[in-house]
């Protein structure tokens, strides 16, 4: 079977889940991460770095990605690459017949999203003498209570991740990445809760949110307008 533009479908059915082809997996992973380099992108999308390098070369040749140098070096999508990826993601979702199911799981995610953001605030700040101050993590009881709430949130988001991966296999890495970050936080590595530029719990949460928005074709700025 071929699509209306003559290409083969973007994914193949493997059990219940649709498996995205490597080109789409890499391009979409780049969309979700925004700016990233090969090792981090390979880790996020579950492909070998050598495979990612080959796919990135193809994306650059087609004008869908470019290399950014300087202090913040890495791969980024071009506007053309972003539009092309959005079209292919929509095609994959509709071909799989999973749009309604993913939309329902997105709504479940939104149901816990605000609570998670509050958790992040409570991790970064604590109250001392009636005032909010930066959390220096000297108050073990405060940190323990926030981590306990994070564990509760993790149960919910892990369930969402499992159900997403049962439909679209490219979601299958999120649960593992959440578990890795949570384990580090529980081991006392406080930066793995909210620090940017590493695979902290907040980073993975942000990327899952962006992935759901991109998959459903929702602009983040207009998210609150969705029924």
N, C-alpha and C. Protein backbone atom coordinates (compact mmCIF):
# COMPACT_ATOMS: atom_id res chain seq x y z
N UNK A 1 0.85 -1.19 0.00
CA UNK A 1 0.00 0.00 0.00
C UNK A 1 0.88 1.24 0.00
N UNK A 2 0.43 2.31 -0.72
CA UNK A 2 1.17 3.55 -0.77
C UNK A 2 0.26 4.70 -0.40
N UNK A 3 0.87 5.78 0.04
CA UNK A 3 0.12 6.96 0.39
C UNK A 3 -0.21 7.74 -0.87
N UNK A 4 -0.97 8.82 -0.70
CA UNK A 4 -1.42 9.59 -1.85
C UNK A 4 -0.27 10.23 -2.61
N UNK A 5 0.90 10.42 -1.97
CA UNK A 5 2.04 11.00 -2.69
C UNK A 5 3.02 9.94 -3.16
N UNK A 6 2.60 8.67 -3.09
CA UNK A 6 3.40 7.61 -3.66
C UNK A 6 4.38 6.96 -2.73
N UNK A 7 4.51 7.44 -1.49
CA UNK A 7 5.44 6.83 -0.54
C UNK A 7 4.77 5.66 0.16
N UNK A 8 5.58 4.79 0.70
CA UNK A 8 5.03 3.75 1.55
C UNK A 8 4.62 4.37 2.86
N UNK A 9 3.71 3.73 3.63
CA UNK A 9 3.26 4.32 4.89
C UNK A 9 4.41 4.58 5.86
N UNK A 10 4.19 5.52 6.76
CA UNK A 10 5.25 5.94 7.67
C UNK A 10 5.56 4.90 8.73
N UNK A 11 4.66 4.01 9.02
CA UNK A 11 4.90 3.04 10.07
C UNK A 11 4.40 1.67 9.65
N UNK A 12 4.87 0.65 10.35
CA UNK A 12 4.39 -0.70 10.12
C UNK A 12 3.82 -1.23 11.41
N UNK A 13 2.80 -2.04 11.31
CA UNK A 13 2.16 -2.57 12.50
C UNK A 13 3.03 -3.68 13.08
N UNK A 14 3.37 -3.55 14.33
CA UNK A 14 4.15 -4.55 15.05
C UNK A 14 3.37 -4.87 16.31
N UNK A 15 2.62 -6.00 16.28
CA UNK A 15 1.68 -6.25 17.35
C UNK A 15 0.58 -5.21 17.28
N UNK A 16 0.31 -4.57 18.40
CA UNK A 16 -0.70 -3.53 18.42
C UNK A 16 -0.14 -2.17 18.02
N UNK A 17 1.15 -1.96 18.26
CA UNK A 17 1.73 -0.64 18.08
C UNK A 17 2.21 -0.44 16.64
N UNK A 18 2.15 0.81 16.19
CA UNK A 18 2.70 1.19 14.90
C UNK A 18 4.14 1.63 15.12
N UNK A 19 5.05 1.06 14.35
CA UNK A 19 6.47 1.37 14.47
C UNK A 19 6.86 2.38 13.40
N UNK A 20 7.25 3.57 13.80
CA UNK A 20 7.67 4.60 12.85
C UNK A 20 8.98 4.19 12.19
N UNK A 21 9.13 4.56 10.91
CA UNK A 21 10.41 4.26 10.27
C UNK A 21 11.49 5.16 10.86
N UNK A 22 12.77 4.76 10.74
CA UNK A 22 13.85 5.52 11.39
C UNK A 22 13.92 6.98 10.97
N UNK A 23 13.62 7.28 9.71
CA UNK A 23 13.67 8.68 9.26
C UNK A 23 12.69 9.53 10.06
N UNK A 24 11.47 9.04 10.21
CA UNK A 24 10.46 9.79 10.95
C UNK A 24 10.80 9.84 12.43
N UNK A 25 11.32 8.74 12.95
CA UNK A 25 11.65 8.71 14.37
C UNK A 25 12.72 9.75 14.71
N UNK A 26 13.73 9.87 13.85
CA UNK A 26 14.80 10.84 14.09
C UNK A 26 14.28 12.26 13.90
N UNK A 27 13.56 12.51 12.81
CA UNK A 27 13.05 13.86 12.55
C UNK A 27 12.10 14.31 13.65
N UNK A 28 11.23 13.40 14.08
CA UNK A 28 10.27 13.77 15.12
C UNK A 28 10.98 13.94 16.47
N UNK A 29 11.97 13.11 16.74
CA UNK A 29 12.74 13.28 17.97
C UNK A 29 13.44 14.62 18.01
N UNK A 30 13.93 15.06 16.85
CA UNK A 30 14.56 16.37 16.77
C UNK A 30 13.53 17.47 17.00
N UNK A 31 12.34 17.29 16.48
CA UNK A 31 11.26 18.27 16.70
C UNK A 31 10.96 18.39 18.20
N UNK A 32 10.88 17.28 18.86
CA UNK A 32 10.51 17.28 20.28
C UNK A 32 11.61 17.90 21.13
N UNK A 33 12.87 17.61 20.82
CA UNK A 33 13.98 18.11 21.63
C UNK A 33 14.37 19.54 21.27
N UNK A 34 14.09 19.97 20.04
CA UNK A 34 14.36 21.34 19.65
C UNK A 34 15.77 21.57 19.17
N UNK A 35 16.74 21.37 20.01
CA UNK A 35 18.17 21.48 19.68
C UNK A 35 18.87 20.37 20.41
N UNK A 36 19.57 19.51 19.68
CA UNK A 36 20.21 18.38 20.34
C UNK A 36 21.34 17.87 19.47
N UNK A 37 22.22 17.08 20.07
CA UNK A 37 23.31 16.48 19.31
C UNK A 37 23.06 14.98 19.18
N UNK A 38 23.88 14.33 18.37
CA UNK A 38 23.63 12.94 18.01
C UNK A 38 23.50 11.99 19.20
N UNK A 39 24.43 11.99 20.17
CA UNK A 39 24.31 11.01 21.27
C UNK A 39 23.01 11.15 22.05
N UNK A 40 22.62 12.39 22.36
CA UNK A 40 21.40 12.61 23.13
C UNK A 40 20.15 12.24 22.32
N UNK A 41 20.17 12.58 21.03
CA UNK A 41 19.03 12.24 20.17
C UNK A 41 18.91 10.73 20.02
N UNK A 42 20.03 10.05 19.84
CA UNK A 42 20.02 8.59 19.72
C UNK A 42 19.44 7.94 20.98
N UNK A 43 19.84 8.45 22.13
CA UNK A 43 19.33 7.92 23.39
C UNK A 43 17.83 8.13 23.51
N UNK A 44 17.36 9.31 23.09
CA UNK A 44 15.94 9.63 23.23
C UNK A 44 15.07 8.81 22.29
N UNK A 45 15.54 8.55 21.07
CA UNK A 45 14.69 7.86 20.09
C UNK A 45 14.95 6.36 20.02
N UNK A 46 15.93 5.88 20.78
CA UNK A 46 16.17 4.45 20.84
C UNK A 46 16.84 3.87 19.61
N UNK A 47 17.72 4.64 18.96
CA UNK A 47 18.46 4.17 17.80
C UNK A 47 19.95 4.34 18.05
N UNK A 48 20.76 3.58 17.33
CA UNK A 48 22.21 3.68 17.47
C UNK A 48 22.67 5.03 16.93
N UNK A 49 23.70 5.64 17.56
CA UNK A 49 24.21 6.92 17.06
C UNK A 49 24.60 6.89 15.58
N UNK A 50 25.16 5.77 15.12
CA UNK A 50 25.54 5.67 13.70
C UNK A 50 24.31 5.77 12.80
N UNK A 51 23.21 5.17 13.23
CA UNK A 51 21.96 5.25 12.46
C UNK A 51 21.45 6.68 12.44
N UNK A 52 21.50 7.33 13.59
CA UNK A 52 21.04 8.73 13.67
C UNK A 52 21.89 9.62 12.77
N UNK A 53 23.20 9.41 12.73
CA UNK A 53 24.08 10.21 11.88
C UNK A 53 23.68 10.08 10.40
N UNK A 54 23.39 8.86 9.98
CA UNK A 54 22.98 8.65 8.59
C UNK A 54 21.68 9.36 8.29
N UNK A 55 20.72 9.24 9.20
CA UNK A 55 19.42 9.89 8.99
C UNK A 55 19.56 11.40 9.02
N UNK A 56 20.43 11.91 9.89
CA UNK A 56 20.62 13.35 9.94
C UNK A 56 21.24 13.87 8.65
N UNK A 57 22.15 13.11 8.08
CA UNK A 57 22.75 13.52 6.80
C UNK A 57 21.67 13.63 5.73
N UNK A 58 20.73 12.71 5.73
CA UNK A 58 19.63 12.75 4.77
C UNK A 58 18.75 13.97 5.01
N UNK A 59 18.48 14.26 6.28
CA UNK A 59 17.64 15.42 6.60
C UNK A 59 18.31 16.72 6.18
N UNK A 60 19.62 16.81 6.39
CA UNK A 60 20.35 18.00 5.98
C UNK A 60 20.33 18.14 4.46
N UNK A 61 20.57 17.05 3.76
CA UNK A 61 20.59 17.08 2.29
C UNK A 61 19.24 17.51 1.71
N UNK A 62 18.16 17.10 2.37
CA UNK A 62 16.82 17.44 1.88
C UNK A 62 16.38 18.84 2.31
N UNK A 63 17.20 19.53 3.11
CA UNK A 63 16.84 20.86 3.58
C UNK A 63 15.92 20.85 4.78
N UNK A 64 15.78 19.71 5.43
CA UNK A 64 14.86 19.60 6.56
C UNK A 64 15.53 19.79 7.91
N UNK A 65 16.86 19.86 7.94
CA UNK A 65 17.59 20.08 9.19
C UNK A 65 18.90 20.79 8.86
N UNK A 66 19.51 21.37 9.89
CA UNK A 66 20.79 22.03 9.70
C UNK A 66 21.58 21.91 11.00
N UNK A 67 22.85 22.18 10.90
CA UNK A 67 23.74 22.13 12.05
C UNK A 67 23.93 23.52 12.61
N UNK A 68 23.77 23.68 13.91
CA UNK A 68 24.05 24.95 14.57
C UNK A 68 25.34 24.82 15.34
N UNK A 69 26.27 25.75 15.13
CA UNK A 69 27.55 25.75 15.83
C UNK A 69 27.56 26.83 16.90
N UNK A 70 28.62 26.86 17.68
CA UNK A 70 28.73 27.85 18.74
C UNK A 70 28.57 27.22 20.11
N UNK A 71 28.24 28.05 21.12
CA UNK A 71 28.10 27.55 22.49
C UNK A 71 26.96 26.55 22.62
N UNK A 72 25.88 26.77 21.88
CA UNK A 72 24.74 25.85 21.88
C UNK A 72 24.72 25.12 20.55
N UNK A 73 25.62 24.15 20.40
CA UNK A 73 25.77 23.45 19.13
C UNK A 73 24.85 22.24 19.08
N UNK A 74 24.43 21.89 17.87
CA UNK A 74 23.61 20.70 17.69
C UNK A 74 22.79 20.78 16.43
N UNK A 75 21.90 19.81 16.28
CA UNK A 75 21.01 19.74 15.13
C UNK A 75 19.71 20.46 15.43
N UNK A 76 19.15 21.12 14.43
CA UNK A 76 17.82 21.73 14.54
C UNK A 76 17.07 21.49 13.24
N UNK A 77 15.76 21.42 13.33
CA UNK A 77 14.93 21.34 12.13
C UNK A 77 14.83 22.71 11.47
N UNK A 78 14.73 22.72 10.17
CA UNK A 78 14.38 23.94 9.45
C UNK A 78 12.86 24.09 9.45
N UNK A 79 12.33 25.26 9.13
CA UNK A 79 10.87 25.39 9.02
C UNK A 79 10.26 24.37 8.04
N UNK A 80 10.98 24.10 6.96
CA UNK A 80 10.48 23.11 5.99
C UNK A 80 10.47 21.71 6.60
N UNK A 81 11.50 21.41 7.38
CA UNK A 81 11.56 20.12 8.04
C UNK A 81 10.46 19.95 9.07
N UNK A 82 10.17 21.01 9.79
CA UNK A 82 9.09 20.96 10.78
C UNK A 82 7.75 20.70 10.10
N UNK A 83 7.48 21.42 9.01
CA UNK A 83 6.21 21.25 8.30
C UNK A 83 6.10 19.85 7.71
N UNK A 84 7.21 19.36 7.13
CA UNK A 84 7.20 18.02 6.55
C UNK A 84 6.95 16.97 7.63
N UNK A 85 7.61 17.13 8.77
CA UNK A 85 7.42 16.18 9.86
C UNK A 85 6.01 16.19 10.39
N UNK A 86 5.42 17.36 10.50
CA UNK A 86 4.03 17.46 10.99
C UNK A 86 3.08 16.71 10.06
N UNK A 87 3.31 16.84 8.76
CA UNK A 87 2.44 16.15 7.79
C UNK A 87 2.58 14.64 7.92
N UNK A 88 3.80 14.16 8.10
CA UNK A 88 4.02 12.72 8.21
C UNK A 88 3.49 12.15 9.52
N UNK A 89 3.63 12.92 10.60
CA UNK A 89 3.11 12.46 11.89
C UNK A 89 1.58 12.35 11.83
N UNK A 90 0.93 13.35 11.23
CA UNK A 90 -0.53 13.31 11.10
C UNK A 90 -0.96 12.12 10.25
N UNK A 91 -0.21 11.88 9.18
CA UNK A 91 -0.50 10.74 8.30
C UNK A 91 -0.38 9.42 9.05
N UNK A 92 0.70 9.29 9.83
CA UNK A 92 0.92 8.07 10.60
C UNK A 92 -0.21 7.84 11.61
N UNK A 93 -0.58 8.90 12.32
CA UNK A 93 -1.60 8.78 13.35
C UNK A 93 -2.94 8.37 12.75
N UNK A 94 -3.32 8.99 11.64
CA UNK A 94 -4.61 8.68 11.03
C UNK A 94 -4.60 7.30 10.38
N UNK A 95 -3.46 6.91 9.78
CA UNK A 95 -3.37 5.58 9.19
C UNK A 95 -3.49 4.50 10.25
N UNK A 96 -2.99 4.79 11.44
CA UNK A 96 -3.07 3.83 12.55
C UNK A 96 -4.45 3.79 13.18
N UNK A 97 -5.27 4.82 12.93
CA UNK A 97 -6.59 4.88 13.54
C UNK A 97 -6.55 5.13 15.03
N UNK A 98 -5.51 5.84 15.49
CA UNK A 98 -5.30 6.03 16.93
C UNK A 98 -5.48 7.47 17.39
N UNK A 99 -6.00 8.33 16.54
CA UNK A 99 -6.10 9.74 16.93
C UNK A 99 -6.96 9.92 18.17
N UNK A 100 -8.11 9.29 18.22
CA UNK A 100 -9.00 9.46 19.38
C UNK A 100 -8.36 8.94 20.65
N UNK A 101 -7.70 7.77 20.57
CA UNK A 101 -7.07 7.19 21.75
C UNK A 101 -5.94 8.07 22.26
N UNK A 102 -5.12 8.59 21.35
CA UNK A 102 -4.02 9.46 21.77
C UNK A 102 -4.55 10.76 22.34
N UNK A 103 -5.63 11.29 21.76
CA UNK A 103 -6.23 12.51 22.29
C UNK A 103 -6.75 12.29 23.70
N UNK A 104 -7.32 11.12 23.97
CA UNK A 104 -7.80 10.81 25.32
C UNK A 104 -6.63 10.74 26.31
N UNK A 105 -5.52 10.13 25.88
CA UNK A 105 -4.36 10.03 26.76
C UNK A 105 -3.72 11.40 26.98
N UNK A 106 -3.77 12.24 25.97
CA UNK A 106 -3.30 13.62 26.12
C UNK A 106 -4.11 14.36 27.19
N UNK A 107 -5.41 14.15 27.18
CA UNK A 107 -6.26 14.79 28.20
C UNK A 107 -5.92 14.26 29.59
N UNK A 108 -5.61 12.98 29.70
CA UNK A 108 -5.18 12.43 30.99
C UNK A 108 -3.87 13.08 31.44
N UNK A 109 -2.97 13.28 30.50
CA UNK A 109 -1.71 13.94 30.81
C UNK A 109 -1.96 15.35 31.32
N UNK A 110 -2.83 16.08 30.64
CA UNK A 110 -3.13 17.44 31.08
C UNK A 110 -3.70 17.44 32.49
N UNK A 111 -4.41 16.38 32.84
CA UNK A 111 -5.01 16.29 34.17
C UNK A 111 -3.99 16.24 35.29
N UNK A 112 -2.77 15.82 34.99
CA UNK A 112 -1.72 15.77 36.02
C UNK A 112 -0.61 16.79 35.75
N UNK A 113 -0.69 17.49 34.63
CA UNK A 113 0.40 18.39 34.26
C UNK A 113 0.56 19.55 35.24
N UNK A 114 -0.54 20.20 35.62
CA UNK A 114 -0.44 21.34 36.52
C UNK A 114 0.09 20.92 37.88
N UNK A 115 -0.34 19.76 38.34
CA UNK A 115 0.17 19.26 39.61
C UNK A 115 1.67 19.01 39.56
N UNK A 116 2.14 18.49 38.42
CA UNK A 116 3.58 18.27 38.30
C UNK A 116 4.35 19.58 38.30
N UNK A 117 3.82 20.60 37.62
CA UNK A 117 4.49 21.90 37.61
C UNK A 117 4.56 22.48 39.02
N UNK A 118 3.53 22.26 39.81
CA UNK A 118 3.55 22.70 41.21
C UNK A 118 4.63 21.95 42.00
N UNK A 119 4.78 20.66 41.68
CA UNK A 119 5.83 19.87 42.32
C UNK A 119 7.21 20.47 42.03
N UNK A 120 7.41 20.86 40.78
CA UNK A 120 8.70 21.45 40.41
C UNK A 120 8.96 22.73 41.18
N UNK A 121 7.92 23.55 41.34
CA UNK A 121 8.06 24.78 42.13
C UNK A 121 8.43 24.45 43.57
N UNK A 122 7.76 23.44 44.14
CA UNK A 122 8.04 23.06 45.52
C UNK A 122 9.44 22.47 45.67
N UNK A 123 10.00 21.92 44.60
CA UNK A 123 11.35 21.39 44.65
C UNK A 123 12.38 22.52 44.60
N UNK A 124 12.04 23.56 43.89
CA UNK A 124 12.97 24.67 43.70
C UNK A 124 12.90 25.70 44.82
N UNK A 125 11.76 25.76 45.51
CA UNK A 125 11.55 26.73 46.59
C UNK A 125 11.04 26.03 47.83
N UNK A 126 11.29 26.60 48.98
CA UNK A 126 10.67 26.13 50.22
C UNK A 126 10.40 27.34 51.12
N UNK A 127 9.56 27.16 52.08
CA UNK A 127 9.15 28.26 52.94
C UNK A 127 10.00 28.30 54.20
N UNK A 128 10.55 29.47 54.49
CA UNK A 128 11.34 29.68 55.71
C UNK A 128 10.84 30.97 56.36
N UNK A 129 10.34 30.83 57.58
CA UNK A 129 9.82 31.99 58.33
C UNK A 129 8.77 32.74 57.51
N UNK A 130 7.92 31.99 56.86
CA UNK A 130 6.81 32.59 56.12
C UNK A 130 7.18 33.15 54.76
N UNK A 131 8.43 32.97 54.32
CA UNK A 131 8.85 33.48 53.03
C UNK A 131 9.37 32.35 52.14
N UNK A 132 9.13 32.50 50.83
CA UNK A 132 9.64 31.54 49.86
C UNK A 132 11.11 31.84 49.57
N UNK A 133 11.96 30.84 49.74
CA UNK A 133 13.38 31.00 49.45
C UNK A 133 13.81 29.84 48.55
N UNK A 134 14.95 30.02 47.89
CA UNK A 134 15.49 28.96 47.06
C UNK A 134 15.77 27.73 47.93
N UNK A 135 15.40 26.58 47.42
CA UNK A 135 15.61 25.35 48.17
C UNK A 135 17.06 24.93 48.07
N UNK A 136 17.75 24.94 49.20
CA UNK A 136 19.15 24.50 49.23
C UNK A 136 19.26 23.02 49.56
N UNK A 137 18.12 22.36 49.68
CA UNK A 137 18.02 20.91 49.93
C UNK A 137 18.64 20.51 51.27
N UNK A 138 18.66 21.48 52.19
CA UNK A 138 19.13 21.18 53.54
C UNK A 138 18.03 20.61 54.42
N UNK A 139 16.78 20.83 54.03
CA UNK A 139 15.63 20.34 54.80
C UNK A 139 15.19 19.01 54.20
N UNK A 140 15.66 17.92 54.80
CA UNK A 140 15.38 16.59 54.26
C UNK A 140 13.90 16.26 54.27
N UNK A 141 13.18 16.71 55.29
CA UNK A 141 11.75 16.40 55.37
C UNK A 141 10.98 17.06 54.24
N UNK A 142 11.37 18.30 53.89
CA UNK A 142 10.73 18.98 52.75
C UNK A 142 10.99 18.21 51.47
N UNK A 143 12.25 17.88 51.21
CA UNK A 143 12.59 17.17 49.98
C UNK A 143 11.92 15.80 49.92
N UNK A 144 11.90 15.10 51.04
CA UNK A 144 11.29 13.77 51.07
C UNK A 144 9.80 13.84 50.71
N UNK A 145 9.12 14.88 51.20
CA UNK A 145 7.69 14.99 50.92
C UNK A 145 7.44 15.27 49.44
N UNK A 146 8.31 16.08 48.83
CA UNK A 146 8.15 16.39 47.41
C UNK A 146 8.46 15.15 46.57
N UNK A 147 9.51 14.41 46.92
CA UNK A 147 9.84 13.19 46.18
C UNK A 147 8.73 12.16 46.30
N UNK A 148 8.10 12.07 47.48
CA UNK A 148 6.98 11.14 47.65
C UNK A 148 5.83 11.50 46.71
N UNK A 149 5.58 12.78 46.54
CA UNK A 149 4.54 13.21 45.60
C UNK A 149 4.96 12.95 44.16
N UNK A 150 6.26 13.07 43.87
CA UNK A 150 6.75 12.75 42.54
C UNK A 150 6.54 11.27 42.22
N UNK A 151 6.75 10.42 43.19
CA UNK A 151 6.52 8.98 43.00
C UNK A 151 5.05 8.73 42.64
N UNK A 152 4.14 9.43 43.30
CA UNK A 152 2.72 9.28 43.00
C UNK A 152 2.42 9.76 41.58
N UNK A 153 3.01 10.87 41.17
CA UNK A 153 2.81 11.38 39.81
C UNK A 153 3.40 10.41 38.79
N UNK A 154 4.51 9.79 39.15
CA UNK A 154 5.17 8.86 38.24
C UNK A 154 4.28 7.66 37.93
N UNK A 155 3.55 7.19 38.91
CA UNK A 155 2.64 6.06 38.68
C UNK A 155 1.64 6.40 37.58
N UNK A 156 1.11 7.61 37.63
CA UNK A 156 0.12 8.04 36.64
C UNK A 156 0.75 8.19 35.26
N UNK A 157 1.88 8.89 35.20
CA UNK A 157 2.47 9.16 33.89
C UNK A 157 3.04 7.88 33.28
N UNK A 158 3.51 6.95 34.10
CA UNK A 158 3.98 5.67 33.56
C UNK A 158 2.84 4.91 32.90
N UNK A 159 1.67 4.96 33.49
CA UNK A 159 0.50 4.30 32.89
C UNK A 159 0.16 4.93 31.55
N UNK A 160 0.24 6.25 31.47
CA UNK A 160 -0.02 6.95 30.21
C UNK A 160 1.02 6.54 29.17
N UNK A 161 2.27 6.47 29.57
CA UNK A 161 3.35 6.10 28.64
C UNK A 161 3.15 4.69 28.09
N UNK A 162 2.77 3.77 28.95
CA UNK A 162 2.54 2.40 28.51
C UNK A 162 1.44 2.35 27.46
N UNK A 163 0.35 3.04 27.72
CA UNK A 163 -0.77 3.02 26.78
C UNK A 163 -0.44 3.75 25.47
N UNK A 164 0.36 4.80 25.54
CA UNK A 164 0.80 5.46 24.30
C UNK A 164 1.67 4.52 23.49
N UNK A 165 2.61 3.84 24.14
CA UNK A 165 3.53 2.95 23.44
C UNK A 165 2.82 1.74 22.85
N UNK A 166 1.69 1.35 23.42
CA UNK A 166 0.90 0.26 22.85
C UNK A 166 0.26 0.64 21.53
N UNK A 167 0.19 1.95 21.29
CA UNK A 167 -0.43 2.45 20.05
C UNK A 167 0.61 2.93 19.04
N UNK A 168 1.58 3.70 19.52
CA UNK A 168 2.65 4.22 18.67
C UNK A 168 3.97 3.90 19.36
N UNK A 169 4.76 3.02 18.76
CA UNK A 169 5.95 2.49 19.43
C UNK A 169 6.99 3.57 19.70
N UNK A 170 6.94 4.70 19.00
CA UNK A 170 7.94 5.74 19.24
C UNK A 170 7.80 6.38 20.63
N UNK A 171 6.71 6.11 21.33
CA UNK A 171 6.56 6.60 22.70
C UNK A 171 7.21 5.66 23.72
N UNK A 172 7.83 4.57 23.26
CA UNK A 172 8.23 3.53 24.21
C UNK A 172 9.41 3.89 25.09
N UNK A 173 10.14 4.96 24.79
CA UNK A 173 11.29 5.30 25.62
C UNK A 173 11.00 6.17 26.81
N UNK A 174 9.82 6.79 26.84
CA UNK A 174 9.55 7.76 27.91
C UNK A 174 9.50 7.12 29.29
N UNK A 175 8.86 5.98 29.41
CA UNK A 175 8.76 5.33 30.71
C UNK A 175 10.12 5.04 31.30
N UNK A 176 11.03 4.52 30.48
CA UNK A 176 12.39 4.22 30.93
C UNK A 176 13.11 5.49 31.36
N UNK A 177 12.97 6.56 30.60
CA UNK A 177 13.66 7.81 30.92
C UNK A 177 13.11 8.43 32.21
N UNK A 178 11.80 8.34 32.41
CA UNK A 178 11.23 8.80 33.68
C UNK A 178 11.79 7.99 34.85
N UNK A 179 11.85 6.67 34.68
CA UNK A 179 12.35 5.81 35.75
C UNK A 179 13.80 6.12 36.08
N UNK A 180 14.61 6.35 35.04
CA UNK A 180 16.02 6.67 35.27
C UNK A 180 16.16 7.96 36.07
N UNK A 181 15.41 8.99 35.67
CA UNK A 181 15.50 10.28 36.36
C UNK A 181 15.00 10.16 37.80
N UNK A 182 13.88 9.47 38.00
CA UNK A 182 13.34 9.31 39.35
C UNK A 182 14.33 8.57 40.24
N UNK A 183 14.95 7.53 39.71
CA UNK A 183 15.93 6.78 40.49
C UNK A 183 17.08 7.64 40.94
N UNK A 184 17.53 8.54 40.09
CA UNK A 184 18.62 9.44 40.45
C UNK A 184 18.18 10.42 41.54
N UNK A 185 16.97 10.95 41.41
CA UNK A 185 16.45 11.85 42.44
C UNK A 185 16.37 11.13 43.78
N UNK A 186 15.85 9.92 43.77
CA UNK A 186 15.72 9.15 45.01
C UNK A 186 17.09 8.81 45.60
N UNK A 187 18.12 8.77 44.76
CA UNK A 187 19.47 8.49 45.23
C UNK A 187 20.17 9.73 45.75
N UNK A 188 19.47 10.87 45.73
CA UNK A 188 20.04 12.10 46.26
C UNK A 188 20.67 13.02 45.23
N UNK A 189 20.56 12.69 43.96
CA UNK A 189 21.09 13.55 42.90
C UNK A 189 20.03 14.59 42.57
N UNK A 190 20.01 15.66 43.33
CA UNK A 190 18.89 16.60 43.31
C UNK A 190 18.69 17.28 41.96
N UNK A 191 19.76 17.38 41.17
CA UNK A 191 19.64 18.07 39.88
C UNK A 191 18.78 17.30 38.89
N UNK A 192 18.55 16.02 39.13
CA UNK A 192 17.81 15.21 38.17
C UNK A 192 16.30 15.37 38.29
N UNK A 193 15.86 16.28 39.13
CA UNK A 193 14.44 16.61 39.21
C UNK A 193 14.08 17.65 38.15
N UNK A 194 14.76 18.80 38.15
CA UNK A 194 14.31 19.90 37.30
C UNK A 194 15.40 20.53 36.42
N UNK A 195 16.64 20.10 36.53
CA UNK A 195 17.70 20.81 35.79
C UNK A 195 17.50 20.66 34.27
N UNK A 196 17.61 21.76 33.52
CA UNK A 196 17.57 21.67 32.05
C UNK A 196 18.88 21.13 31.51
N UNK A 197 18.89 20.76 30.23
CA UNK A 197 20.07 20.33 29.50
C UNK A 197 20.57 18.94 29.90
N UNK A 198 19.88 18.28 30.81
CA UNK A 198 20.12 16.86 31.09
C UNK A 198 18.76 16.18 31.05
N UNK A 199 18.76 14.84 31.07
CA UNK A 199 17.50 14.10 31.01
C UNK A 199 16.83 14.05 32.39
N UNK A 200 16.67 15.22 33.01
CA UNK A 200 15.99 15.30 34.30
C UNK A 200 14.52 14.93 34.13
N UNK A 201 13.84 14.71 35.25
CA UNK A 201 12.43 14.35 35.18
C UNK A 201 11.64 15.44 34.46
N UNK A 202 11.94 16.70 34.76
CA UNK A 202 11.25 17.81 34.12
C UNK A 202 11.53 17.85 32.63
N UNK A 203 12.77 17.58 32.21
CA UNK A 203 13.10 17.56 30.79
C UNK A 203 12.28 16.52 30.05
N UNK A 204 12.21 15.32 30.61
CA UNK A 204 11.46 14.24 29.95
C UNK A 204 9.98 14.57 29.93
N UNK A 205 9.48 15.17 31.01
CA UNK A 205 8.07 15.56 31.07
C UNK A 205 7.76 16.60 29.97
N UNK A 206 8.63 17.58 29.84
CA UNK A 206 8.45 18.61 28.82
C UNK A 206 8.43 17.99 27.42
N UNK A 207 9.34 17.04 27.19
CA UNK A 207 9.40 16.42 25.87
C UNK A 207 8.17 15.56 25.59
N UNK A 208 7.67 14.84 26.59
CA UNK A 208 6.44 14.07 26.39
C UNK A 208 5.29 15.00 26.05
N UNK A 209 5.21 16.13 26.76
CA UNK A 209 4.16 17.11 26.49
C UNK A 209 4.28 17.61 25.05
N UNK A 210 5.48 17.98 24.64
CA UNK A 210 5.71 18.47 23.28
C UNK A 210 5.39 17.38 22.24
N UNK A 211 5.73 16.15 22.56
CA UNK A 211 5.45 15.04 21.65
C UNK A 211 3.95 14.87 21.45
N UNK A 212 3.18 14.95 22.51
CA UNK A 212 1.73 14.84 22.41
C UNK A 212 1.15 15.99 21.60
N UNK A 213 1.63 17.19 21.84
CA UNK A 213 1.16 18.35 21.07
C UNK A 213 1.47 18.18 19.59
N UNK A 214 2.71 17.78 19.28
CA UNK A 214 3.11 17.61 17.89
C UNK A 214 2.33 16.49 17.22
N UNK A 215 2.12 15.41 17.95
CA UNK A 215 1.39 14.26 17.39
C UNK A 215 -0.03 14.64 17.04
N UNK A 216 -0.66 15.45 17.86
CA UNK A 216 -2.06 15.82 17.65
C UNK A 216 -2.21 17.11 16.85
N UNK A 217 -1.09 17.75 16.50
CA UNK A 217 -1.16 18.98 15.71
C UNK A 217 -1.69 20.16 16.49
N UNK A 218 -1.35 20.24 17.78
CA UNK A 218 -1.80 21.33 18.63
C UNK A 218 -0.64 22.28 18.88
N UNK A 219 -0.83 23.56 18.65
CA UNK A 219 0.19 24.55 18.96
C UNK A 219 0.21 24.79 20.46
N UNK A 220 1.39 24.78 21.04
CA UNK A 220 1.50 24.96 22.50
C UNK A 220 0.84 26.27 22.94
N UNK A 221 1.02 27.35 22.16
CA UNK A 221 0.47 28.64 22.55
C UNK A 221 -1.05 28.64 22.54
N UNK A 222 -1.65 27.71 21.79
CA UNK A 222 -3.11 27.65 21.69
C UNK A 222 -3.69 26.47 22.43
N UNK A 223 -2.87 25.84 23.28
CA UNK A 223 -3.30 24.62 23.94
C UNK A 223 -4.57 24.84 24.77
N UNK A 224 -4.66 25.95 25.47
CA UNK A 224 -5.81 26.20 26.31
C UNK A 224 -7.10 26.41 25.56
N UNK A 225 -7.00 26.60 24.23
CA UNK A 225 -8.20 26.80 23.42
C UNK A 225 -8.82 25.49 22.98
N UNK A 226 -8.09 24.37 23.22
CA UNK A 226 -8.61 23.07 22.78
C UNK A 226 -9.79 22.67 23.64
N UNK A 227 -10.80 22.13 22.98
CA UNK A 227 -12.01 21.70 23.72
C UNK A 227 -11.73 20.47 24.53
